[in-house]
Amino acid sequence: MSELLAQIGTRILERRKQLRLTQEELAEQAEITAQTISYAELGKKALRPENIIKICSALEISTDYLLLGKISSHDCAVLNQKVSELSPVQYRHLEDIINSYIAAVNEKEG
C-alpha cells in the first residue's frame, strides 16, 4: 500500500509543479488543507475519496491518472480543449514541438 501512496504522491507533486502551484494554492483550489496535500505528496496518508476528486479537479487530471498513472479519455479531452483554442499558426508550432519531442525521446530510448 505504501508504494501505491508514494506513486500517487509523486503524480500530485509533478502535476502541481507543472501547473506552477504551491501546496497552499492547490489546497485552496481543492478546498482542503495544505497539510493534506503535503501528506499526500509524501505518501504518508491515504486520501479520502472526496479529497481525491477535489485534487483531480484542481489539477485537471482524471482519477485514473492520479490513482493508476493511466491517461484516460478525460485527460485527452482536457488537452484537446486547450489545443482547440490555438490559432492555426500556434497549432502548427505545437505540432513541431511534439514531433521534436517524440523524436528526441525515441532517440534516447533507442
PDB file of N, CA and C in Angstrom:
ATOM      1  N   MET A   1       0.824  -1.208   0.000  1.00  0.00           N
ATOM      2  CA  MET A   1       0.000   0.000   0.000  1.00  0.00           C
ATOM      3  C   MET A   1       0.858   1.258   0.000  1.00  0.00           C
ATOM      4  N   SER A   2       1.978   1.257   0.734  1.00  0.00           N
ATOM      5  CA  SER A   2       2.809   2.458   0.811  1.00  0.00           C
ATOM      6  C   SER A   2       3.438   2.793  -0.541  1.00  0.00           C
ATOM      7  N   GLU A   3       3.735   1.780  -1.363  1.00  0.00           N
ATOM      8  CA  GLU A   3       4.264   2.026  -2.708  1.00  0.00           C
ATOM      9  C   GLU A   3       3.229   2.764  -3.551  1.00  0.00           C
ATOM     10  N   LEU A   4       1.982   2.337  -3.475  1.00  0.00           N
ATOM     11  CA  LEU A   4       0.908   2.998  -4.214  1.00  0.00           C
ATOM     12  C   LEU A   4       0.734   4.437  -3.742  1.00  0.00           C
ATOM     13  N   LEU A   5       0.758   4.652  -2.438  1.00  0.00           N
ATOM     14  CA  LEU A   5       0.623   6.015  -1.906  1.00  0.00           C
ATOM     15  C   LEU A   5       1.771   6.893  -2.376  1.00  0.00           C
ATOM     16  N   ALA A   6       2.977   6.351  -2.438  1.00  0.00           N
ATOM     17  CA  ALA A   6       4.138   7.104  -2.918  1.00  0.00           C
ATOM     18  C   ALA A   6       3.969   7.475  -4.390  1.00  0.00           C
ATOM     19  N   GLN A   7       3.444   6.547  -5.190  1.00  0.00           N
ATOM     20  CA  GLN A   7       3.227   6.819  -6.614  1.00  0.00           C
ATOM     21  C   GLN A   7       2.168   7.908  -6.802  1.00  0.00           C
ATOM     22  N   ILE A   8       1.097   7.817  -6.045  1.00  0.00           N
ATOM     23  CA  ILE A   8       0.049   8.838  -6.107  1.00  0.00           C
ATOM     24  C   ILE A   8       0.631  10.193  -5.700  1.00  0.00           C
ATOM     25  N   GLY A   9       1.401  10.193  -4.625  1.00  0.00           N
ATOM     26  CA  GLY A   9       2.029  11.431  -4.157  1.00  0.00           C
ATOM     27  C   GLY A   9       2.939  12.047  -5.204  1.00  0.00           C
ATOM     28  N   THR A  10       3.688  11.221  -5.881  1.00  0.00           N
ATOM     29  CA  THR A  10       4.581  11.706  -6.938  1.00  0.00           C
ATOM     30  C   THR A  10       3.785  12.323  -8.077  1.00  0.00           C
ATOM     31  N   ARG A  11       2.667  11.689  -8.451  1.00  0.00           N
ATOM     32  CA  ARG A  11       1.846  12.244  -9.531  1.00  0.00           C
ATOM     33  C   ARG A  11       1.236  13.591  -9.132  1.00  0.00           C
ATOM     34  N   ILE A  12       0.813  13.722  -7.880  1.00  0.00           N
ATOM     35  CA  ILE A  12       0.276  15.006  -7.401  1.00  0.00           C
ATOM     36  C   ILE A  12       1.378  16.065  -7.460  1.00  0.00           C
ATOM     37  N   LEU A  13       2.534  15.739  -6.912  1.00  0.00           N
ATOM     38  CA  LEU A  13       3.652  16.684  -6.865  1.00  0.00           C
ATOM     39  C   LEU A  13       4.065  17.131  -8.265  1.00  0.00           C
ATOM     40  N   GLU A  14       4.241  16.185  -9.168  1.00  0.00           N
ATOM     41  CA  GLU A  14       4.682  16.522 -10.518  1.00  0.00           C
ATOM     42  C   GLU A  14       3.665  17.392 -11.246  1.00  0.00           C
ATOM     43  N   ARG A  15       2.384  17.064 -11.124  1.00  0.00           N
ATOM     44  CA  ARG A  15       1.355  17.852 -11.798  1.00  0.00           C
ATOM     45  C   ARG A  15       1.236  19.239 -11.168  1.00  0.00           C
ATOM     46  N   ARG A  16       1.344  19.293  -9.844  1.00  0.00           N
ATOM     47  CA  ARG A  16       1.274  20.589  -9.155  1.00  0.00           C
ATOM     48  C   ARG A  16       2.417  21.487  -9.625  1.00  0.00           C
ATOM     49  N   LYS A  17       3.600  20.930  -9.726  1.00  0.00           N
ATOM     50  CA  LYS A  17       4.747  21.717 -10.192  1.00  0.00           C
ATOM     51  C   LYS A  17       4.584  22.103 -11.658  1.00  0.00           C
ATOM     52  N   GLN A  18       4.030  21.201 -12.456  1.00  0.00           N
ATOM     53  CA  GLN A  18       3.788  21.505 -13.866  1.00  0.00           C
ATOM     54  C   GLN A  18       2.870  22.713 -13.993  1.00  0.00           C
ATOM     55  N   LEU A  19       1.889  22.801 -13.110  1.00  0.00           N
ATOM     56  CA  LEU A  19       0.940  23.923 -13.117  1.00  0.00           C
ATOM     57  C   LEU A  19       1.474  25.133 -12.346  1.00  0.00           C
ATOM     58  N   ARG A  20       2.682  24.992 -11.807  1.00  0.00           N
ATOM     59  CA  ARG A  20       3.338  26.056 -11.037  1.00  0.00           C
ATOM     60  C   ARG A  20       2.494  26.520  -9.847  1.00  0.00           C
ATOM     61  N   LEU A  21       1.980  25.544  -9.118  1.00  0.00           N
ATOM     62  CA  LEU A  21       1.190  25.829  -7.923  1.00  0.00           C
ATOM     63  C   LEU A  21       1.983  25.464  -6.682  1.00  0.00           C
ATOM     64  N   THR A  22       1.811  26.234  -5.627  1.00  0.00           N
ATOM     65  CA  THR A  22       2.347  25.842  -4.326  1.00  0.00           C
ATOM     66  C   THR A  22       1.363  24.849  -3.702  1.00  0.00           C
ATOM     67  N   GLN A  23       1.792  24.196  -2.640  1.00  0.00           N
ATOM     68  CA  GLN A  23       0.871  23.306  -1.923  1.00  0.00           C
ATOM     69  C   GLN A  23      -0.314  24.106  -1.396  1.00  0.00           C
ATOM     70  N   GLU A  24      -0.053  25.304  -0.933  1.00  0.00           N
ATOM     71  CA  GLU A  24      -1.122  26.139  -0.388  1.00  0.00           C
ATOM     72  C   GLU A  24      -2.127  26.525  -1.479  1.00  0.00           C
ATOM     73  N   GLU A  25      -1.624  26.869  -2.660  1.00  0.00           N
ATOM     74  CA  GLU A  25      -2.519  27.247  -3.751  1.00  0.00           C
ATOM     75  C   GLU A  25      -3.369  26.059  -4.203  1.00  0.00           C
ATOM     76  N   LEU A  26      -2.744  24.884  -4.297  1.00  0.00           N
ATOM     77  CA  LEU A  26      -3.511  23.696  -4.656  1.00  0.00           C
ATOM     78  C   LEU A  26      -4.556  23.398  -3.590  1.00  0.00           C
ATOM     79  N   ALA A  27      -4.159  23.486  -2.340  1.00  0.00           N
ATOM     80  CA  ALA A  27      -5.091  23.227  -1.243  1.00  0.00           C
ATOM     81  C   ALA A  27      -6.286  24.179  -1.312  1.00  0.00           C
ATOM     82  N   GLU A  28      -6.012  25.444  -1.597  1.00  0.00           N
ATOM     83  CA  GLU A  28      -7.094  26.433  -1.694  1.00  0.00           C
ATOM     84  C   GLU A  28      -8.035  26.084  -2.849  1.00  0.00           C
ATOM     85  N   GLN A  29      -7.457  25.743  -4.004  1.00  0.00           N
ATOM     86  CA  GLN A  29      -8.290  25.400  -5.162  1.00  0.00           C
ATOM     87  C   GLN A  29      -9.106  24.138  -4.916  1.00  0.00           C
ATOM     88  N   ALA A  30      -8.517  23.182  -4.200  1.00  0.00           N
ATOM     89  CA  ALA A  30      -9.198  21.915  -3.929  1.00  0.00           C
ATOM     90  C   ALA A  30     -10.086  21.985  -2.685  1.00  0.00           C
ATOM     91  N   GLU A  31     -10.021  23.098  -1.980  1.00  0.00           N
ATOM     92  CA  GLU A  31     -10.800  23.292  -0.752  1.00  0.00           C
ATOM     93  C   GLU A  31     -10.498  22.229   0.304  1.00  0.00           C
ATOM     94  N   ILE A  32      -9.186  21.978   0.468  1.00  0.00           N
ATOM     95  CA  ILE A  32      -8.704  21.082   1.523  1.00  0.00           C
ATOM     96  C   ILE A  32      -7.500  21.764   2.175  1.00  0.00           C
ATOM     97  N   THR A  33      -6.920  21.140   3.183  1.00  0.00           N
ATOM     98  CA  THR A  33      -5.798  21.776   3.873  1.00  0.00           C
ATOM     99  C   THR A  33      -4.477  21.516   3.150  1.00  0.00           C
ATOM    100  N   ALA A  34      -3.546  22.446   3.342  1.00  0.00           N
ATOM    101  CA  ALA A  34      -2.202  22.277   2.775  1.00  0.00           C
ATOM    102  C   ALA A  34      -1.526  21.058   3.396  1.00  0.00           C
ATOM    103  N   GLN A  35      -1.840  20.764   4.636  1.00  0.00           N
ATOM    104  CA  GLN A  35      -1.268  19.592   5.302  1.00  0.00           C
ATOM    105  C   GLN A  35      -1.725  18.312   4.600  1.00  0.00           C
ATOM    106  N   THR A  36      -2.971  18.261   4.152  1.00  0.00           N
ATOM    107  CA  THR A  36      -3.469  17.099   3.409  1.00  0.00           C
ATOM    108  C   THR A  36      -2.677  16.921   2.124  1.00  0.00           C
ATOM    109  N   ILE A  37      -2.404  18.025   1.422  1.00  0.00           N
ATOM    110  CA  ILE A  37      -1.605  17.969   0.198  1.00  0.00           C
ATOM    111  C   ILE A  37      -0.201  17.470   0.520  1.00  0.00           C
ATOM    112  N   SER A  38       0.392  18.007   1.556  1.00  0.00           N
ATOM    113  CA  SER A  38       1.745  17.617   1.952  1.00  0.00           C
ATOM    114  C   SER A  38       1.816  16.124   2.273  1.00  0.00           C
ATOM    115  N   TYR A  39       0.904  15.646   3.096  1.00  0.00           N
ATOM    116  CA  TYR A  39       0.886  14.226   3.448  1.00  0.00           C
ATOM    117  C   TYR A  39       0.679  13.347   2.215  1.00  0.00           C
ATOM    118  N   ALA A  40      -0.198  13.790   1.318  1.00  0.00           N
ATOM    119  CA  ALA A  40      -0.459  13.013   0.104  1.00  0.00           C
ATOM    120  C   ALA A  40       0.783  12.956  -0.772  1.00  0.00           C
ATOM    121  N   GLU A  41       1.446  14.087  -0.967  1.00  0.00           N
ATOM    122  CA  GLU A  41       2.641  14.119  -1.812  1.00  0.00           C
ATOM    123  C   GLU A  41       3.766  13.271  -1.235  1.00  0.00           C
ATOM    124  N   LEU A  42       3.845  13.202   0.074  1.00  0.00           N
ATOM    125  CA  LEU A  42       4.880  12.390   0.721  1.00  0.00           C
ATOM    126  C   LEU A  42       4.485  10.916   0.820  1.00  0.00           C
ATOM    127  N   GLY A  43       3.248  10.601   0.460  1.00  0.00           N
ATOM    128  CA  GLY A  43       2.779   9.220   0.556  1.00  0.00           C
ATOM    129  C   GLY A  43       2.569   8.763   1.986  1.00  0.00           C
ATOM    130  N   LYS A  44       2.354   9.714   2.889  1.00  0.00           N
ATOM    131  CA  LYS A  44       2.209   9.394   4.312  1.00  0.00           C
ATOM    132  C   LYS A  44       0.816   8.939   4.694  1.00  0.00           C
ATOM    133  N   LYS A  45      -0.195   9.470   3.989  1.00  0.00           N
ATOM    134  CA  LYS A  45      -1.584   9.158   4.339  1.00  0.00           C
ATOM    135  C   LYS A  45      -2.403   8.954   3.080  1.00  0.00           C
ATOM    136  N   ALA A  46      -3.321   8.015   3.145  1.00  0.00           N
ATOM    137  CA  ALA A  46      -4.252   7.809   2.037  1.00  0.00           C
ATOM    138  C   ALA A  46      -5.256   8.958   2.031  1.00  0.00           C
ATOM    139  N   LEU A  47      -5.668   9.337   0.834  1.00  0.00           N
ATOM    140  CA  LEU A  47      -6.659  10.399   0.696  1.00  0.00           C
ATOM    141  C   LEU A  47      -8.067   9.837   0.784  1.00  0.00           C
ATOM    142  N   ARG A  48      -8.968  10.614   1.351  1.00  0.00           N
ATOM    143  CA  ARG A  48     -10.378  10.235   1.349  1.00  0.00           C
ATOM    144  C   ARG A  48     -10.903  10.396  -0.073  1.00  0.00           C
ATOM    145  N   PRO A  49     -11.879   9.591  -0.467  1.00  0.00           N
ATOM    146  CA  PRO A  49     -12.404   9.658  -1.845  1.00  0.00           C
ATOM    147  C   PRO A  49     -12.808  11.061  -2.278  1.00  0.00           C
ATOM    148  N   GLU A  50     -13.467  11.807  -1.399  1.00  0.00           N
ATOM    149  CA  GLU A  50     -13.897  13.152  -1.777  1.00  0.00           C
ATOM    150  C   GLU A  50     -12.702  14.077  -2.020  1.00  0.00           C
ATOM    151  N   ASN A  51     -11.602  13.856  -1.290  1.00  0.00           N
ATOM    152  CA  ASN A  51     -10.404  14.673  -1.499  1.00  0.00           C
ATOM    153  C   ASN A  51      -9.682  14.292  -2.787  1.00  0.00           C
ATOM    154  N   ILE A  52      -9.731  13.025  -3.153  1.00  0.00           N
ATOM    155  CA  ILE A  52      -9.168  12.596  -4.435  1.00  0.00           C
ATOM    156  C   ILE A  52      -9.870  13.332  -5.563  1.00  0.00           C
ATOM    157  N   ILE A  53     -11.182  13.386  -5.502  1.00  0.00           N
ATOM    158  CA  ILE A  53     -11.965  14.060  -6.543  1.00  0.00           C
ATOM    159  C   ILE A  53     -11.631  15.550  -6.579  1.00  0.00           C
ATOM    160  N   LYS A  54     -11.524  16.185  -5.426  1.00  0.00           N
ATOM    161  CA  LYS A  54     -11.213  17.612  -5.367  1.00  0.00           C
ATOM    162  C   LYS A  54      -9.819  17.905  -5.931  1.00  0.00           C
ATOM    163  N   ILE A  55      -8.854  17.068  -5.586  1.00  0.00           N
ATOM    164  CA  ILE A  55      -7.490  17.263  -6.076  1.00  0.00           C
ATOM    165  C   ILE A  55      -7.438  17.063  -7.586  1.00  0.00           C
ATOM    166  N   CYS A  56      -8.099  16.031  -8.063  1.00  0.00           N
ATOM    167  CA  CYS A  56      -8.120  15.780  -9.508  1.00  0.00           C
ATOM    168  C   CYS A  56      -8.752  16.943 -10.255  1.00  0.00           C
ATOM    169  N   SER A  57      -9.809  17.481  -9.724  1.00  0.00           N
ATOM    170  CA  SER A  57     -10.468  18.625 -10.354  1.00  0.00           C
ATOM    171  C   SER A  57      -9.534  19.829 -10.385  1.00  0.00           C
ATOM    172  N   ALA A  58      -8.890  20.118  -9.274  1.00  0.00           N
ATOM    173  CA  ALA A  58      -7.985  21.267  -9.194  1.00  0.00           C
ATOM    174  C   ALA A  58      -6.780  21.102 -10.116  1.00  0.00           C
ATOM    175  N   LEU A  59      -6.305  19.868 -10.273  1.00  0.00           N
ATOM    176  CA  LEU A  59      -5.135  19.606 -11.118  1.00  0.00           C
ATOM    177  C   LEU A  59      -5.506  19.311 -12.569  1.00  0.00           C
ATOM    178  N   GLU A  60      -6.806  19.272 -12.855  1.00  0.00           N
ATOM    179  CA  GLU A  60      -7.306  18.966 -14.197  1.00  0.00           C
ATOM    180  C   GLU A  60      -6.754  17.627 -14.703  1.00  0.00           C
ATOM    181  N   ILE A  61      -6.859  16.608 -13.849  1.00  0.00           N
ATOM    182  CA  ILE A  61      -6.462  15.253 -14.221  1.00  0.00           C
ATOM    183  C   ILE A  61      -7.592  14.301 -13.851  1.00  0.00           C
ATOM    184  N   SER A  62      -7.572  13.122 -14.447  1.00  0.00           N
ATOM    185  CA  SER A  62      -8.583  12.118 -14.122  1.00  0.00           C
ATOM    186  C   SER A  62      -8.169  11.346 -12.872  1.00  0.00           C
ATOM    187  N   THR A  63      -9.145  10.725 -12.249  1.00  0.00           N
ATOM    188  CA  THR A  63      -8.823   9.850 -11.119  1.00  0.00           C
ATOM    189  C   THR A  63      -8.022   8.639 -11.603  1.00  0.00           C
ATOM    190  N   ASP A  64      -8.264   8.196 -12.836  1.00  0.00           N
ATOM    191  CA  ASP A  64      -7.460   7.099 -13.402  1.00  0.00           C
ATOM    192  C   ASP A  64      -5.986   7.471 -13.412  1.00  0.00           C
ATOM    193  N   TYR A  65      -5.696   8.705 -13.814  1.00  0.00           N
ATOM    194  CA  TYR A  65      -4.297   9.127 -13.852  1.00  0.00           C
ATOM    195  C   TYR A  65      -3.735   9.220 -12.436  1.00  0.00           C
ATOM    196  N   LEU A  66      -4.465   9.843 -11.532  1.00  0.00           N
ATOM    197  CA  LEU A  66      -3.947  10.001 -10.172  1.00  0.00           C
ATOM    198  C   LEU A  66      -3.713   8.652  -9.503  1.00  0.00           C
ATOM    199  N   LEU A  67      -4.696   7.771  -9.582  1.00  0.00           N
ATOM    200  CA  LEU A  67      -4.612   6.507  -8.855  1.00  0.00           C
ATOM    201  C   LEU A  67      -3.778   5.440  -9.556  1.00  0.00           C
ATOM    202  N   LEU A  68      -3.855   5.401 -10.879  1.00  0.00           N
ATOM    203  CA  LEU A  68      -3.230   4.304 -11.621  1.00  0.00           C
ATOM    204  C   LEU A  68      -2.102   4.730 -12.555  1.00  0.00           C
ATOM    205  N   GLY A  69      -1.972   6.033 -12.781  1.00  0.00           N
ATOM    206  CA  GLY A  69      -0.959   6.514 -13.708  1.00  0.00           C
ATOM    207  C   GLY A  69      -1.331   6.304 -15.162  1.00  0.00           C
ATOM    208  N   LYS A  70      -2.637   6.115 -15.446  1.00  0.00           N
ATOM    209  CA  LYS A  70      -3.108   5.861 -16.808  1.00  0.00           C
ATOM    210  C   LYS A  70      -3.802   7.095 -17.368  1.00  0.00           C
ATOM    211  N   ILE A  71      -3.491   7.409 -18.618  1.00  0.00           N
ATOM    212  CA  ILE A  71      -4.146   8.521 -19.302  1.00  0.00           C
ATOM    213  C   ILE A  71      -5.522   8.047 -19.741  1.00  0.00           C
ATOM    214  N   SER A  72      -6.547   8.824 -19.393  1.00  0.00           N
ATOM    215  CA  SER A  72      -7.917   8.457 -19.726  1.00  0.00           C
ATOM    216  C   SER A  72      -8.470   9.380 -20.812  1.00  0.00           C
ATOM    217  N   SER A  73      -9.657   9.081 -21.268  1.00  0.00           N
ATOM    218  CA  SER A  73     -10.314   9.943 -22.255  1.00  0.00           C
ATOM    219  C   SER A  73     -10.544  11.337 -21.674  1.00  0.00           C
ATOM    220  N   HIS A  74     -10.758  11.432 -20.367  1.00  0.00           N
ATOM    221  CA  HIS A  74     -10.912  12.744 -19.716  1.00  0.00           C
ATOM    222  C   HIS A  74      -9.636  13.558 -19.855  1.00  0.00           C
ATOM    223  N   ASP A  75      -8.488  12.919 -19.622  1.00  0.00           N
ATOM    224  CA  ASP A  75      -7.213  13.617 -19.745  1.00  0.00           C
ATOM    225  C   ASP A  75      -7.011  14.109 -21.179  1.00  0.00           C
ATOM    226  N   CYS A  76      -7.345  13.275 -22.138  1.00  0.00           N
ATOM    227  CA  CYS A  76      -7.221  13.653 -23.553  1.00  0.00           C
ATOM    228  C   CYS A  76      -8.171  14.792 -23.902  1.00  0.00           C
ATOM    229  N   ALA A  77      -9.375  14.761 -23.344  1.00  0.00           N
ATOM    230  CA  ALA A  77     -10.360  15.808 -23.624  1.00  0.00           C
ATOM    231  C   ALA A  77      -9.881  17.165 -23.108  1.00  0.00           C
ATOM    232  N   VAL A  78      -9.256  17.189 -21.945  1.00  0.00           N
ATOM    233  CA  VAL A  78      -8.734  18.441 -21.394  1.00  0.00           C
ATOM    234  C   VAL A  78      -7.660  19.003 -22.325  1.00  0.00           C
ATOM    235  N   LEU A  79      -6.763  18.137 -22.775  1.00  0.00           N
ATOM    236  CA  LEU A  79      -5.707  18.581 -23.682  1.00  0.00           C
ATOM    237  C   LEU A  79      -6.284  19.015 -25.028  1.00  0.00           C
ATOM    238  N   ASN A  80      -7.233  18.248 -25.538  1.00  0.00           N
ATOM    239  CA  ASN A  80      -7.866  18.612 -26.813  1.00  0.00           C
ATOM    240  C   ASN A  80      -8.541  19.978 -26.728  1.00  0.00           C
ATOM    241  N   GLN A  81      -9.172  20.270 -25.609  1.00  0.00           N
ATOM    242  CA  GLN A  81      -9.822  21.572 -25.428  1.00  0.00           C
ATOM    243  C   GLN A  81      -8.797  22.690 -25.510  1.00  0.00           C
ATOM    244  N   LYS A  82      -7.661  22.497 -24.853  1.00  0.00           N
ATOM    245  CA  LYS A  82      -6.618  23.521 -24.880  1.00  0.00           C
ATOM    246  C   LYS A  82      -6.070  23.701 -26.289  1.00  0.00           C
ATOM    247  N   VAL A  83      -5.842  22.599 -26.991  1.00  0.00           N
ATOM    248  CA  VAL A  83      -5.310  22.658 -28.350  1.00  0.00           C
ATOM    249  C   VAL A  83      -6.303  23.333 -29.286  1.00  0.00           C
ATOM    250  N   SER A  84      -7.586  23.082 -29.085  1.00  0.00           N
ATOM    251  CA  SER A  84      -8.606  23.652 -29.970  1.00  0.00           C
ATOM    252  C   SER A  84      -8.679  25.170 -29.876  1.00  0.00           C
ATOM    253  N   GLU A  85      -8.146  25.739 -28.813  1.00  0.00           N
ATOM    254  CA  GLU A  85      -8.169  27.187 -28.637  1.00  0.00           C
ATOM    255  C   GLU A  85      -6.996  27.890 -29.325  1.00  0.00           C
ATOM    256  N   LEU A  86      -6.068  27.112 -29.887  1.00  0.00           N
ATOM    257  CA  LEU A  86      -4.907  27.690 -30.561  1.00  0.00           C
ATOM    258  C   LEU A  86      -5.268  28.195 -31.955  1.00  0.00           C
ATOM    259  N   SER A  87      -4.552  29.209 -32.391  1.00  0.00           N
ATOM    260  CA  SER A  87      -4.702  29.664 -33.772  1.00  0.00           C
ATOM    261  C   SER A  87      -4.057  28.613 -34.680  1.00  0.00           C
ATOM    262  N   PRO A  88      -4.338  28.642 -35.974  1.00  0.00           N
ATOM    263  CA  PRO A  88      -3.700  27.681 -36.881  1.00  0.00           C
ATOM    264  C   PRO A  88      -2.171  27.728 -36.828  1.00  0.00           C
ATOM    265  N   VAL A  89      -1.604  28.906 -36.733  1.00  0.00           N
ATOM    266  CA  VAL A  89      -0.143  29.028 -36.657  1.00  0.00           C
ATOM    267  C   VAL A  89       0.365  28.418 -35.351  1.00  0.00           C
ATOM    268  N   GLN A  90      -0.302  28.718 -34.239  1.00  0.00           N
ATOM    269  CA  GLN A  90       0.093  28.148 -32.948  1.00  0.00           C
ATOM    270  C   GLN A  90      -0.026  26.625 -32.973  1.00  0.00           C
ATOM    271  N   TYR A  91      -1.077  26.134 -33.614  1.00  0.00           N
ATOM    272  CA  TYR A  91      -1.295  24.691 -33.719  1.00  0.00           C
ATOM    273  C   TYR A  91      -0.111  24.039 -34.437  1.00  0.00           C
ATOM    274  N   ARG A  92       0.329  24.604 -35.533  1.00  0.00           N
ATOM    275  CA  ARG A  92       1.458  24.039 -36.295  1.00  0.00           C
ATOM    276  C   ARG A  92       2.747  24.109 -35.496  1.00  0.00           C
ATOM    277  N   HIS A  93       2.935  25.182 -34.727  1.00  0.00           N
ATOM    278  CA  HIS A  93       4.115  25.264 -33.861  1.00  0.00           C
ATOM    279  C   HIS A  93       4.081  24.153 -32.807  1.00  0.00           C
ATOM    280  N   LEU A  94       2.918  23.944 -32.221  1.00  0.00           N
ATOM    281  CA  LEU A  94       2.772  22.883 -31.235  1.00  0.00           C
ATOM    282  C   LEU A  94       3.057  21.525 -31.859  1.00  0.00           C
ATOM    283  N   GLU A  95       2.564  21.315 -33.067  1.00  0.00           N
ATOM    284  CA  GLU A  95       2.817  20.057 -33.773  1.00  0.00           C
ATOM    285  C   GLU A  95       4.321  19.849 -33.965  1.00  0.00           C
ATOM    286  N   ASP A  96       5.055  20.904 -34.339  1.00  0.00           N
ATOM    287  CA  ASP A  96       6.514  20.819 -34.495  1.00  0.00           C
ATOM    288  C   ASP A  96       7.184  20.456 -33.163  1.00  0.00           C
ATOM    289  N   ILE A  97       6.727  21.080 -32.088  1.00  0.00           N
ATOM    290  CA  ILE A  97       7.291  20.808 -30.762  1.00  0.00           C
ATOM    291  C   ILE A  97       7.056  19.344 -30.388  1.00  0.00           C
ATOM    292  N   ILE A  98       5.848  18.863 -30.607  1.00  0.00           N
ATOM    293  CA  ILE A  98       5.517  17.475 -30.275  1.00  0.00           C
ATOM    294  C   ILE A  98       6.354  16.509 -31.107  1.00  0.00           C
ATOM    295  N   ASN A  99       6.472  16.780 -32.394  1.00  0.00           N
ATOM    296  CA  ASN A  99       7.280  15.912 -33.256  1.00  0.00           C
ATOM    297  C   ASN A  99       8.739  15.892 -32.809  1.00  0.00           C
ATOM    298  N   SER A 100       9.283  17.041 -32.449  1.00  0.00           N
ATOM    299  CA  SER A 100      10.666  17.112 -31.963  1.00  0.00           C
ATOM    300  C   SER A 100      10.824  16.347 -30.658  1.00  0.00           C
ATOM    301  N   TYR A 101       9.854  16.490 -29.783  1.00  0.00           N
ATOM    302  CA  TYR A 101       9.886  15.781 -28.501  1.00  0.00           C
ATOM    303  C   TYR A 101       9.870  14.272 -28.709  1.00  0.00           C
ATOM    304  N   ILE A 102       8.965  13.809 -29.555  1.00  0.00           N
ATOM    305  CA  ILE A 102       8.855  12.365 -29.828  1.00  0.00           C
ATOM    306  C   ILE A 102      10.152  11.844 -30.436  1.00  0.00           C
ATOM    307  N   ALA A 103      10.723  12.583 -31.379  1.00  0.00           N
ATOM    308  CA  ALA A 103      11.983  12.166 -31.989  1.00  0.00           C
ATOM    309  C   ALA A 103      13.093  12.083 -30.950  1.00  0.00           C
ATOM    310  N   ALA A 104      13.164  13.064 -30.045  1.00  0.00           N
ATOM    311  CA  ALA A 104      14.196  13.067 -29.003  1.00  0.00           C
ATOM    312  C   ALA A 104      14.019  11.905 -28.032  1.00  0.00           C
ATOM    313  N   VAL A 105      12.779  11.627 -27.647  1.00  0.00           N
ATOM    314  CA  VAL A 105      12.503  10.518 -26.725  1.00  0.00           C
ATOM    315  C   VAL A 105      12.850   9.188 -27.382  1.00  0.00           C
ATOM    316  N   ASN A 106      12.450   9.039 -28.636  1.00  0.00           N
ATOM    317  CA  ASN A 106      12.749   7.789 -29.351  1.00  0.00           C
ATOM    318  C   ASN A 106      14.240   7.589 -29.533  1.00  0.00           C
ATOM    319  N   GLU A 107      14.952   8.661 -29.798  1.00  0.00           N
ATOM    320  CA  GLU A 107      16.405   8.594 -29.970  1.00  0.00           C
ATOM    321  C   GLU A 107      17.080   8.194 -28.655  1.00  0.00           C
ATOM    322  N   LYS A 108      16.601   8.784 -27.558  1.00  0.00           N
ATOM    323  CA  LYS A 108      17.162   8.498 -26.241  1.00  0.00           C
ATOM    324  C   LYS A 108      16.918   7.047 -25.828  1.00  0.00           C
ATOM    325  N   GLU A 109      15.717   6.533 -26.133  1.00  0.00           N
ATOM    326  CA  GLU A 109      15.350   5.165 -25.758  1.00  0.00           C
ATOM    327  C   GLU A 109      15.981   4.137 -26.694  1.00  0.00           C
ATOM    328  N   GLY A 110      16.291   4.550 -27.916  1.00  0.00           N
ATOM    329  CA  GLY A 110      16.818   3.630 -28.922  1.00  0.00           C
ATOM    330  C   GLY A 110      18.269   3.507 -28.858  1.00  0.00           C
TER     331      GLY A 110
END
